[in-house]
Structure formats: structure tokens, C-alpha cells
Amino acid sequence: MRNMKRMEVSSYLLASQQSQPNEEYDTYSKLITEGLIRSNSQELDDSAFNTKINQYKQFYDTPSTISDQLSFIYDKTVKGSEIKKPTRILPQHPEKILDAPDILNDYYLNLLDWGNNNMLAVCLGQSVYLWNADNGNIEQLFTLKENDSYVCSVSWSSKTNCLAVGLSNNTTQLWDTDKFSLLRTLYGHENRVSSLSWNGCLLSSGSRDSNILNHDVRIQSHIVSKLTHHTSEICGLKWSCDGTQLASGANDNNLMIWDLGFNNPRHILREHTAAVKALAWCPWQKGLLASGGGTGDKTIKFWNTELGTLIQSLNTNNQVCSLVWNKYEKELLSSHGFSNVSNEVGKNHMCLWKYPSLQLIGELKGHSDRVLHMALSPDGEVVASAGADETLRLWRLFEAPAQTKKQNNKKIFLNDLR
């Protein structure tokens, strides 16, 4: 390139000796000549440098020290530019689809739960089935003998292989899933048991009789307290991650927060305008609760349960059936059902939201009827969804950090040694 410039300059000088151009052309040619010569010489003054028309960018002095060189590289590559995270990619299809025949299309029931033993319990009509996520085996735990009875709710104990099962005959059964044997039956409700939640050895049960019973399963007289402030069926029931607060939602449109050991609610939250079934405690922020309302409400609300204040509210335009937090990122997954608007966004779908901006990240599509239940795998990566279309779908949606995966693998190895 430098040789070509020199040839152009030489050609111009020769031509200027043989002919005498007009004044305008002579001025233009002089500027070109000065610009070309400047690229090969540093002897021109600043005025010549400023008139150089072939100069497109400033020359940079070479840094003299290693520190200056590193600062120079940083300034040119990182400083002033925004470092963006990779775009969130959602799965277009479930990892696995299982049949769920006879699953009840009843918004007020809770028919799915995933235990720490990596067993997925699903209630199908009069039966409870267990799917082993480690080997894919499916076994029937039991089937009710009464023709007019059905299973209403299911919940795993976090510390044992004990499964609590709420029934339409007003009782709650405790099952040993290792031996496939019934441990005991808990009485006390006057109508079906539609919601369950464990807190250590304390099992809370919610019923259509509008009451919540707290059972200490270690003792014979198991009912240790009765919570009576709701006026309709208890369809949502969840203990907080630290076990200090219980959230209850009912068909009376009320959400209540109960402190452990107290029989009166700490807060009665009346902002929902339909049944409150979907409840999810945030795993990475204490006192943050998400709640979802039914068809007449269609909102997800976020609460500070220490103060009893509403933080944010999101109108989804669809019945909110279930909620699951991402353990590792600030994201919330919601599942939906009926919609009374023409907008099809979210209808019978699962929606992933960014928190706290509440921006829609994307949708998981596949169910052809409302998605009534969701459950999260113990490693926090896979979500199981159960729909009224009688299918159970597994979505690998979240990803644990590498260090967390390493710790989980170590725990599995140690358990195998025992």
C-alpha cells in the first residue's frame, strides 16, 4: 500500500512538470499530495495533519509499560460497552410426556408433588402412582376401594419417604413408600381434604370444611391446633422455606399468613377477587410470597409477608393455577387455564416471568387444556406439569450452577455408600 501511494505521488509530480493545470485543480492536487506524503512522514506541522483527507482515525501512541498496555486493551475492548448475558432459550418441547388418565379436572385440588427422594407422586382418580425419576419406573401405591371416593391432594415429607394423601372421605392417610404400606390415618375434617403441606413432623391439612388442621404425626392425639378464619374451601397451603410461616388460600378469595405456633392469622390479605390456589414462597428471599388468583382475578401478586404489604401485581389475563420459583435465578413460572378474553397468550400454557421487572421471558406450550399443577424436581432443574388434557409433561427449564451440581452429585454418591 505504501509503495502504491509513493507511485501516485511520483506520477503527480511528473505530470505537474509537463503540464500546467488550472488553479482549482492545482489546489485539489496539492491537498492530495500533502495527505499522501503525511502518511510516510512525520515532519509536517499540525495544520497539514488537520487537512489530511485520507486520515480516517486517530493514531494511538503505543503504551510504554505493561500496566499502560493492559489499561489500553481494557479501554478499547470493555470500558464503555455493555456486557450482555446470553439470550434465555426456553425448551420448545417437553423432555418427556407421560399419560395421566383420569386425573380430575378440579381447580381446587392438589394432585402432584415431587419428593426429595426424586419420586413424583400423581393422583389419578381413585389411585396414587409413583414415577421414579432415576430409572423411569412407574408403580401404583394404592387404589381406593369405595366407588364414590377419590384422591384430593398429595404431599411428600421432606425428610422421609412418607407420603401424605388427602381423600374425599374427609381423612388424610400417611404411606410408607418404601414398603408400600399404610402407616396411619388422620381424622378431624368434616369434608374432603384438598390441600396439604409439611413442616418437619408437622403436617397441615386444608379442607372444604374451611378449616386448617395442624397434625403432629409423632403422637397419638395428632391435632395440635385448628385454624378457623377462612369461610370456604382451602385450596392452597404452603409452609415457608424456613418453616416459620404458613400461607393459606381459599375459595373465599382471601390469602392468610400464619406464624408458627399461633392460631390467629398474622395477616389477612383481601386483594384477590377470586379463589387463591397458587402459592409459592421465594427460595432466595425471605418473606417473599407469590400468589395466584382464579378466573375472576387472573393476577399474580407478590407480598412481603413480614409487613403484610403488596409489592407488585401482574395481570396475566388467565386463570392462575400454579406457581414455581426458579431456585437459581430471579424467575417465576406460572401455569394457566381458563381465559375470558380473546387474547390467547398464556391460555393453557406455562409462562416464565423475570422478577422483579415481571417481563414475560417466554411460554411453554403443549398442553391442550388448563395446566392445573406443577412440581419442581429436587435438583431444581426440571418442572413437571399436569394438565386437564390427561398428560404429564417434564420440562428441563432451569439450570443449577456448576458448583451446586457438583455438591448434589457428592450427596448422591454418599447416599449410595450408605
Protein backbone atom coordinates (compact mmCIF):
# COMPACT_ATOMS: atom_id res chain seq x y z
CA MET A 1 0.00 0.00 0.00
CA ARG A 2 2.85 2.41 0.87
CA ASN A 3 4.55 1.73 -2.50
CA MET A 4 1.32 2.45 -4.35
CA LYS A 5 0.99 5.79 -2.56
CA ARG A 6 4.56 6.68 -3.49
CA MET A 7 3.90 5.80 -7.15
CA GLU A 8 0.83 8.04 -7.16
CA VAL A 9 2.86 10.92 -5.73
CA SER A 10 5.62 10.40 -8.33
CA SER A 11 3.12 10.28 -11.16
CA TYR A 12 1.60 13.51 -9.97
CA LEU A 13 4.98 15.29 -9.72
CA LEU A 14 5.95 14.17 -13.23
CA ALA A 15 2.64 15.25 -14.66
CA SER A 16 2.86 18.64 -12.94
CA GLN A 17 6.19 19.32 -14.67
CA GLN A 18 4.77 18.55 -18.16
CA SER A 19 1.53 20.49 -17.89
CA GLN A 20 0.15 23.48 -16.05
CA PRO A 21 -3.34 22.76 -14.60
CA ASN A 22 -5.93 25.34 -13.74
CA GLU A 23 -5.98 26.95 -10.31
CA GLU A 24 -8.79 24.84 -8.78
CA TYR A 25 -7.28 21.56 -9.93
CA ASP A 26 -3.86 22.64 -8.69
CA THR A 27 -5.22 23.34 -5.17
CA TYR A 28 -7.04 19.98 -5.02
CA SER A 29 -3.97 18.08 -6.20
CA LYS A 30 -1.80 19.83 -3.63
CA LEU A 31 -4.07 18.66 -0.82
CA ILE A 32 -3.92 15.07 -2.08
CA THR A 33 -0.15 15.24 -2.28
CA GLU A 34 0.18 16.55 1.27
CA GLY A 35 -2.14 13.84 2.57
CA LEU A 36 -0.21 11.05 0.85
CA ILE A 37 3.17 12.37 1.91
CA ARG A 38 1.92 12.75 5.54
CA SER A 39 1.28 9.00 5.72
CA ASN A 40 5.01 8.38 5.15
CA SER A 41 6.49 11.35 7.05
CA GLN A 42 6.05 12.89 10.49
CA GLU A 43 7.66 16.23 9.53
CA LEU A 44 4.50 18.16 8.61
CA ASP A 45 3.06 20.54 11.16
CA ASP A 46 -0.37 20.30 12.82
CA SER A 47 -2.09 22.35 10.10
CA ALA A 48 -1.02 19.83 7.48
CA PHE A 49 -2.25 16.99 9.69
CA ASN A 50 -5.68 18.62 10.04
CA THR A 51 -6.11 18.96 6.26
CA LYS A 52 -5.23 15.38 5.53
CA ILE A 53 -8.32 13.99 3.80
CA ASN A 54 -7.24 10.34 3.75
CA GLN A 55 -6.94 10.13 7.58
CA TYR A 56 -9.98 8.22 8.97
CA LYS A 57 -8.99 7.65 12.61
CA GLN A 58 -6.59 8.95 15.21
CA PHE A 59 -3.25 7.29 15.72
CA TYR A 60 -2.67 5.93 19.22
CA ASP A 61 0.66 6.13 20.95
CA THR A 62 1.97 2.70 21.88
CA PRO A 63 1.78 2.27 25.67
CA SER A 64 5.22 2.21 27.17
CA THR A 65 4.63 -0.03 30.23
CA ILE A 66 2.79 -3.31 30.82
CA SER A 67 0.31 -1.52 33.09
CA ASP A 68 -0.40 1.07 30.39
CA GLN A 69 -0.77 -1.69 27.80
CA LEU A 70 -3.34 -3.52 29.94
CA SER A 71 -5.25 -0.28 30.55
CA PHE A 72 -5.18 0.44 26.82
CA ILE A 73 -6.58 -3.00 25.95
CA TYR A 74 -9.29 -2.70 28.63
CA ASP A 75 -10.37 0.74 27.42
CA LYS A 76 -10.67 -0.46 23.82
CA THR A 77 -12.46 -3.75 24.48
CA VAL A 78 -14.57 -3.48 27.65
CA LYS A 79 -14.87 0.04 29.01
CA GLY A 80 -17.98 1.86 27.88
CA SER A 81 -19.57 -1.23 26.36
CA GLU A 82 -22.39 -3.22 27.96
CA ILE A 83 -21.69 -6.87 28.70
CA LYS A 84 -24.92 -8.74 27.96
CA LYS A 85 -25.93 -12.16 29.24
CA PRO A 86 -26.77 -14.82 26.66
CA THR A 87 -30.38 -14.76 25.46
CA ARG A 88 -32.65 -17.05 27.57
CA ILE A 89 -33.59 -20.06 25.44
CA LEU A 90 -36.69 -22.00 26.51
CA PRO A 91 -37.37 -25.60 25.51
CA GLN A 92 -39.80 -25.90 22.63
CA HIS A 93 -40.88 -29.39 23.66
CA PRO A 94 -41.04 -31.33 26.94
CA GLU A 95 -38.26 -33.78 27.72
CA LYS A 96 -40.83 -36.49 28.42
CA ILE A 97 -44.60 -36.93 28.17
CA LEU A 98 -46.47 -39.39 30.40
CA ASP A 99 -50.12 -40.37 30.26
CA ALA A 100 -52.25 -39.25 33.20
CA PRO A 101 -55.67 -40.87 32.59
CA ASP A 102 -58.49 -40.00 34.95
CA ILE A 103 -56.73 -37.02 36.50
CA LEU A 104 -59.51 -34.87 37.92
CA ASN A 105 -60.21 -31.55 36.23
CA ASP A 106 -60.81 -29.77 39.53
CA TYR A 107 -59.12 -26.42 40.17
CA TYR A 108 -59.33 -26.75 43.98
CA LEU A 109 -57.34 -30.00 44.30
CA ASN A 110 -53.57 -30.55 44.55
CA LEU A 111 -52.74 -33.76 42.74
CA LEU A 112 -48.99 -33.59 42.06
CA ASP A 113 -45.83 -33.44 44.19
CA TRP A 114 -42.12 -34.22 43.66
CA GLY A 115 -40.24 -35.50 46.70
CA ASN A 116 -36.62 -35.15 47.77
CA ASN A 117 -36.31 -38.88 47.05
CA ASN A 118 -36.79 -37.99 43.35
CA MET A 119 -40.17 -39.71 43.27
CA LEU A 120 -43.07 -37.97 41.55
CA ALA A 121 -46.48 -38.68 43.08
CA VAL A 122 -49.56 -38.13 40.94
CA CYS A 123 -53.20 -38.74 41.84
CA LEU A 124 -55.37 -40.28 39.13
CA GLY A 125 -58.98 -40.66 40.19
CA GLN A 126 -59.04 -43.22 42.99
CA SER A 127 -55.36 -44.15 42.68
CA VAL A 128 -51.93 -42.76 43.53
CA TYR A 129 -48.98 -43.57 41.26
CA LEU A 130 -45.26 -43.07 41.84
CA TRP A 131 -42.84 -42.31 39.00
CA ASN A 132 -39.18 -42.88 39.80
CA ALA A 133 -37.24 -40.13 38.02
CA ASP A 134 -33.96 -42.04 38.47
CA ASN A 135 -34.96 -45.13 36.50
CA GLY A 136 -38.32 -44.25 34.93
CA ASN A 137 -40.27 -46.98 36.77
CA ILE A 138 -43.96 -46.40 37.50
CA GLU A 139 -45.72 -48.14 40.38
CA GLN A 140 -49.18 -47.93 41.85
CA LEU A 141 -49.11 -47.06 45.54
CA PHE A 142 -52.78 -47.83 46.20
CA THR A 143 -56.33 -47.62 44.85
CA LEU A 144 -59.34 -46.69 46.94
CA LYS A 145 -62.00 -49.40 47.22
CA GLU A 146 -65.03 -47.13 47.61
CA ASN A 147 -66.52 -46.31 44.20
CA ASP A 148 -67.61 -42.80 45.17
CA SER A 149 -64.28 -41.79 46.74
CA TYR A 150 -61.29 -40.12 45.12
CA VAL A 151 -57.87 -38.70 45.96
CA CYS A 152 -57.82 -34.93 46.54
CA SER A 153 -54.25 -33.98 47.50
CA VAL A 154 -50.76 -35.32 47.94
CA SER A 155 -47.59 -34.07 49.67
CA TRP A 156 -44.15 -35.59 50.37
CA SER A 157 -42.40 -35.27 53.71
CA SER A 158 -39.08 -33.52 53.12
CA LYS A 159 -37.10 -35.80 55.45
CA THR A 160 -38.56 -39.28 54.93
CA ASN A 161 -40.22 -41.38 52.26
CA CYS A 162 -43.59 -40.74 53.89
CA LEU A 163 -46.33 -39.53 51.58
CA ALA A 164 -49.43 -37.73 52.89
CA VAL A 165 -52.61 -38.26 50.86
CA GLY A 166 -55.83 -36.29 51.35
CA LEU A 167 -59.07 -38.05 50.46
CA SER A 168 -62.66 -37.20 49.64
CA ASN A 169 -63.84 -39.19 52.70
CA ASN A 170 -62.53 -36.39 54.99
CA THR A 171 -59.37 -38.28 56.07
CA THR A 172 -55.63 -37.99 55.47
CA GLN A 173 -53.51 -41.11 55.05
CA LEU A 174 -49.77 -41.47 55.67
CA TRP A 175 -47.98 -44.02 53.46
CA ASP A 176 -44.55 -45.61 53.67
CA THR A 177 -43.48 -45.59 50.03
CA ASP A 178 -40.54 -47.93 50.64
CA LYS A 179 -42.77 -50.72 51.97
CA PHE A 180 -45.96 -49.62 50.14
CA SER A 181 -47.82 -49.80 53.42
CA LEU A 182 -50.31 -47.54 55.17
CA LEU A 183 -48.79 -46.09 58.34
CA ARG A 184 -51.82 -44.34 59.85
CA THR A 185 -55.00 -42.41 59.07
CA LEU A 186 -55.59 -38.90 60.40
CA TYR A 187 -59.12 -37.75 61.21
CA GLY A 188 -60.67 -34.41 62.13
CA HIS A 189 -62.07 -32.80 58.98
CA GLU A 190 -65.76 -32.76 58.04
CA ASN A 191 -65.26 -32.60 54.27
CA ARG A 192 -62.69 -33.52 51.62
CA VAL A 193 -59.02 -32.75 52.28
CA SER A 194 -57.97 -30.67 49.27
CA SER A 195 -54.55 -29.31 50.34
CA LEU A 196 -51.55 -30.50 52.37
CA SER A 197 -48.19 -29.08 53.43
CA TRP A 198 -45.38 -30.47 55.64
CA ASN A 199 -43.19 -28.59 58.11
CA GLY A 200 -40.86 -31.17 59.63
CA CYS A 201 -43.04 -33.54 61.67
CA LEU A 202 -45.97 -31.12 61.48
CA LEU A 203 -48.50 -31.77 58.70
CA SER A 204 -51.05 -29.08 57.84
CA SER A 205 -54.24 -30.09 56.06
CA GLY A 206 -56.82 -27.83 54.43
CA SER A 207 -60.39 -28.90 53.75
CA ARG A 208 -63.63 -27.95 52.09
CA ASP A 209 -64.94 -27.50 55.63
CA SER A 210 -62.90 -24.22 55.55
CA ASN A 211 -60.61 -25.31 58.40
CA ILE A 212 -56.88 -25.99 58.62
CA LEU A 213 -55.67 -28.71 60.98
CA ASN A 214 -52.09 -28.98 62.19
CA HIS A 215 -51.11 -32.59 62.92
CA ASP A 216 -48.05 -33.71 64.87
CA VAL A 217 -47.64 -37.12 63.26
CA ARG A 218 -45.37 -38.37 66.06
CA ILE A 219 -48.12 -38.51 68.70
CA GLN A 220 -51.38 -40.35 69.08
CA SER A 221 -53.54 -37.24 69.61
CA HIS A 222 -52.22 -35.70 66.42
CA ILE A 223 -54.30 -32.50 66.15
CA VAL A 224 -52.27 -29.78 67.89
CA SER A 225 -54.12 -26.74 66.51
CA LYS A 226 -57.10 -25.73 64.39
CA LEU A 227 -57.12 -22.59 62.22
CA THR A 228 -60.65 -21.39 61.55
CA HIS A 229 -60.63 -17.94 59.93
CA HIS A 230 -61.38 -18.94 56.32
CA THR A 231 -65.01 -19.27 55.24
CA SER A 232 -64.66 -21.54 52.19
CA GLU A 233 -62.57 -24.44 50.84
CA ILE A 234 -58.83 -24.26 51.49
CA CYS A 235 -57.32 -24.87 48.04
CA GLY A 236 -53.79 -23.51 48.62
CA LEU A 237 -51.49 -24.34 51.53
CA LYS A 238 -47.72 -23.80 51.77
CA TRP A 239 -45.19 -23.56 54.60
CA SER A 240 -42.34 -21.12 54.05
CA CYS A 241 -38.85 -22.43 53.28
CA ASP A 242 -37.66 -21.75 56.84
CA GLY A 243 -40.83 -23.19 58.40
CA THR A 244 -41.80 -20.04 60.30
CA GLN A 245 -44.90 -19.01 58.33
CA LEU A 246 -47.84 -20.79 56.71
CA ALA A 247 -49.68 -19.30 53.72
CA SER A 248 -53.26 -20.39 53.06
CA GLY A 249 -55.50 -19.52 50.12
CA ALA A 250 -59.19 -20.32 49.87
CA ASN A 251 -62.30 -20.03 47.74
CA ASP A 252 -63.32 -17.06 49.92
CA ASN A 253 -60.76 -15.04 47.85
CA ASN A 254 -58.60 -14.46 50.94
CA LEU A 255 -54.92 -15.12 51.48
CA MET A 256 -53.81 -15.56 55.09
CA ILE A 257 -50.37 -15.65 56.67
CA TRP A 258 -49.99 -17.63 59.92
CA ASP A 259 -46.96 -17.59 62.22
CA LEU A 260 -45.83 -20.95 63.58
CA GLY A 261 -47.46 -21.66 66.94
CA PHE A 262 -50.25 -19.08 66.62
CA ASN A 263 -53.95 -19.80 65.97
CA ASN A 264 -54.81 -16.33 64.64
CA PRO A 265 -53.56 -15.11 61.27
CA ARG A 266 -50.78 -12.53 61.25
CA HIS A 267 -52.18 -11.02 58.05
CA ILE A 268 -55.46 -11.35 56.16
CA LEU A 269 -54.85 -10.19 52.58
CA ARG A 270 -58.02 -9.44 50.63
CA GLU A 271 -56.70 -8.03 47.34
CA HIS A 272 -57.54 -11.10 45.22
CA THR A 273 -61.01 -11.22 43.65
CA ALA A 274 -61.24 -14.99 43.09
CA ALA A 275 -60.09 -18.21 44.73
CA VAL A 276 -56.43 -18.22 45.78
CA LYS A 277 -54.90 -21.59 44.96
CA ALA A 278 -51.42 -20.95 43.52
CA LEU A 279 -48.87 -20.22 46.26
CA ALA A 280 -45.05 -20.16 46.08
CA TRP A 281 -42.50 -18.99 48.65
CA CYS A 282 -39.37 -17.46 47.17
CA PRO A 283 -36.35 -19.73 47.90
CA TRP A 284 -33.76 -16.92 47.78
CA GLN A 285 -35.57 -14.04 49.54
CA LYS A 286 -37.09 -14.49 52.97
CA GLY A 287 -40.66 -13.28 53.37
CA LEU A 288 -41.41 -13.02 49.64
CA LEU A 289 -44.58 -14.88 48.62
CA ALA A 290 -46.23 -15.14 45.20
CA SER A 291 -49.97 -15.90 44.98
CA GLY A 292 -52.23 -16.51 42.01
CA GLY A 293 -55.95 -15.96 41.63
CA GLY A 294 -58.65 -17.84 39.73
CA THR A 295 -60.70 -16.92 36.66
CA GLY A 296 -62.31 -13.85 38.22
CA ASP A 297 -58.95 -12.46 39.29
CA LYS A 298 -56.22 -13.64 36.83
CA THR A 299 -53.43 -11.89 38.72
CA ILE A 300 -50.14 -12.92 40.31
CA LYS A 301 -49.42 -10.88 43.41
CA PHE A 302 -46.15 -10.54 45.30
CA TRP A 303 -46.21 -10.00 49.06
CA ASN A 304 -43.93 -9.00 51.89
CA THR A 305 -45.26 -11.41 54.50
CA GLU A 306 -43.42 -9.76 57.38
CA LEU A 307 -45.25 -6.48 56.82
CA GLY A 308 -48.32 -7.85 55.06
CA THR A 309 -47.87 -5.44 52.16
CA LEU A 310 -48.47 -5.93 48.45
CA ILE A 311 -45.25 -5.42 46.50
CA GLN A 312 -46.44 -5.88 42.92
CA SER A 313 -49.38 -7.25 40.94
CA LEU A 314 -49.33 -8.77 37.46
CA ASN A 315 -52.45 -9.24 35.33
CA THR A 316 -51.97 -12.45 33.29
CA ASN A 317 -55.42 -12.37 31.61
CA ASN A 318 -55.77 -16.05 32.53
CA GLN A 319 -56.72 -18.22 35.46
CA VAL A 320 -53.56 -18.83 37.54
CA CYS A 321 -53.35 -22.50 38.53
CA SER A 322 -49.84 -22.98 39.88
CA LEU A 323 -46.58 -21.13 40.59
CA VAL A 324 -42.94 -22.29 40.84
CA TRP A 325 -39.84 -20.18 41.60
CA ASN A 326 -36.50 -20.78 39.91
CA LYS A 327 -34.04 -21.68 42.70
CA TYR A 328 -31.04 -20.23 40.89
CA GLU A 329 -32.26 -17.15 39.00
CA LYS A 330 -34.82 -14.43 39.66
CA GLU A 331 -37.57 -16.07 37.64
CA LEU A 332 -41.12 -17.27 38.33
CA LEU A 333 -43.02 -19.89 36.34
CA SER A 334 -46.82 -19.78 36.21
CA SER A 335 -49.33 -22.22 34.74
CA HIS A 336 -52.69 -21.15 33.40
CA GLY A 337 -56.17 -22.23 32.48
CA PHE A 338 -59.45 -20.53 31.64
CA SER A 339 -59.47 -17.13 29.99
CA ASN A 340 -62.45 -14.88 29.38
CA VAL A 341 -60.65 -12.64 26.88
CA SER A 342 -59.77 -13.15 23.23
CA ASN A 343 -56.03 -12.87 23.96
CA GLU A 344 -54.56 -16.37 23.66
CA VAL A 345 -51.24 -15.50 25.33
CA GLY A 346 -50.80 -17.81 28.31
CA LYS A 347 -54.06 -19.75 27.87
CA ASN A 348 -53.40 -23.40 28.82
CA HIS A 349 -49.70 -22.52 28.74
CA MET A 350 -46.86 -22.04 31.22
CA CYS A 351 -45.31 -18.58 31.35
CA LEU A 352 -41.85 -17.66 32.61
CA TRP A 353 -41.51 -14.19 34.14
CA LYS A 354 -38.45 -12.16 35.08
CA TYR A 355 -38.51 -10.81 38.63
CA PRO A 356 -38.87 -8.04 39.68
CA SER A 357 -39.43 -6.48 36.24
CA LEU A 358 -42.27 -9.00 35.57
CA GLN A 359 -41.32 -9.11 31.90
CA LEU A 360 -42.51 -12.18 30.02
CA ILE A 361 -39.45 -14.23 29.07
CA GLY A 362 -41.41 -16.83 27.11
CA GLU A 363 -44.08 -19.53 27.09
CA LEU A 364 -44.05 -23.32 27.29
CA LYS A 365 -46.72 -24.71 25.03
CA GLY A 366 -48.04 -28.23 24.59
CA HIS A 367 -50.98 -28.81 26.92
CA SER A 368 -54.35 -28.65 25.21
CA ASP A 369 -56.30 -27.97 28.40
CA ARG A 370 -55.60 -25.97 31.55
CA VAL A 371 -52.35 -26.75 33.36
CA LEU A 372 -53.63 -27.42 36.87
CA HIS A 373 -50.47 -28.49 38.69
CA MET A 374 -46.69 -28.04 38.62
CA ALA A 375 -43.91 -29.57 40.71
CA LEU A 376 -40.16 -28.92 40.79
CA SER A 377 -37.54 -31.68 40.84
CA PRO A 378 -35.28 -31.83 43.94
CA ASP A 379 -32.27 -30.62 41.90
CA GLY A 380 -34.30 -27.56 40.86
CA GLU A 381 -33.84 -28.10 37.12
CA VAL A 382 -36.93 -29.96 35.85
CA VAL A 383 -40.57 -28.89 36.14
CA ALA A 384 -43.39 -31.42 35.94
CA SER A 385 -46.74 -30.11 34.70
CA ALA A 386 -50.06 -31.93 34.89
CA GLY A 387 -52.97 -30.80 32.74
CA ALA A 388 -56.64 -31.48 32.36
CA ASP A 389 -55.69 -32.93 28.95
CA GLU A 390 -54.62 -36.03 30.96
CA THR A 391 -50.92 -35.66 30.23
CA LEU A 392 -47.92 -35.18 32.49
CA ARG A 393 -45.02 -33.28 30.89
CA LEU A 394 -41.44 -32.85 32.07
CA TRP A 395 -39.60 -29.65 31.10
CA ARG A 396 -35.87 -29.13 31.65
CA LEU A 397 -36.24 -25.42 32.22
CA PHE A 398 -33.78 -24.30 34.89
CA GLU A 399 -30.05 -24.91 35.31
CA ALA A 400 -28.12 -25.24 38.53
CA PRO A 401 -24.67 -23.62 38.81
CA ALA A 402 -21.73 -25.98 38.26
CA GLN A 403 -20.76 -25.90 41.96
CA THR A 404 -24.30 -26.84 43.02
CA LYS A 405 -24.33 -29.78 40.60
CA LYS A 406 -21.02 -30.98 42.00
CA GLN A 407 -22.37 -30.87 45.56
CA ASN A 408 -25.55 -32.72 44.53
CA ASN A 409 -23.52 -35.47 42.85
CA LYS A 410 -21.42 -35.83 46.01
CA LYS A 411 -24.56 -36.22 48.13
CA ILE A 412 -25.90 -38.91 45.80
CA PHE A 413 -22.57 -40.78 45.97
CA LEU A 414 -22.54 -40.68 49.79
CA ASN A 415 -26.14 -41.89 49.95
CA ASP A 416 -25.26 -44.82 47.68
CA LEU A 417 -22.38 -45.76 50.01
CA ARG A 418 -24.75 -45.90 52.96
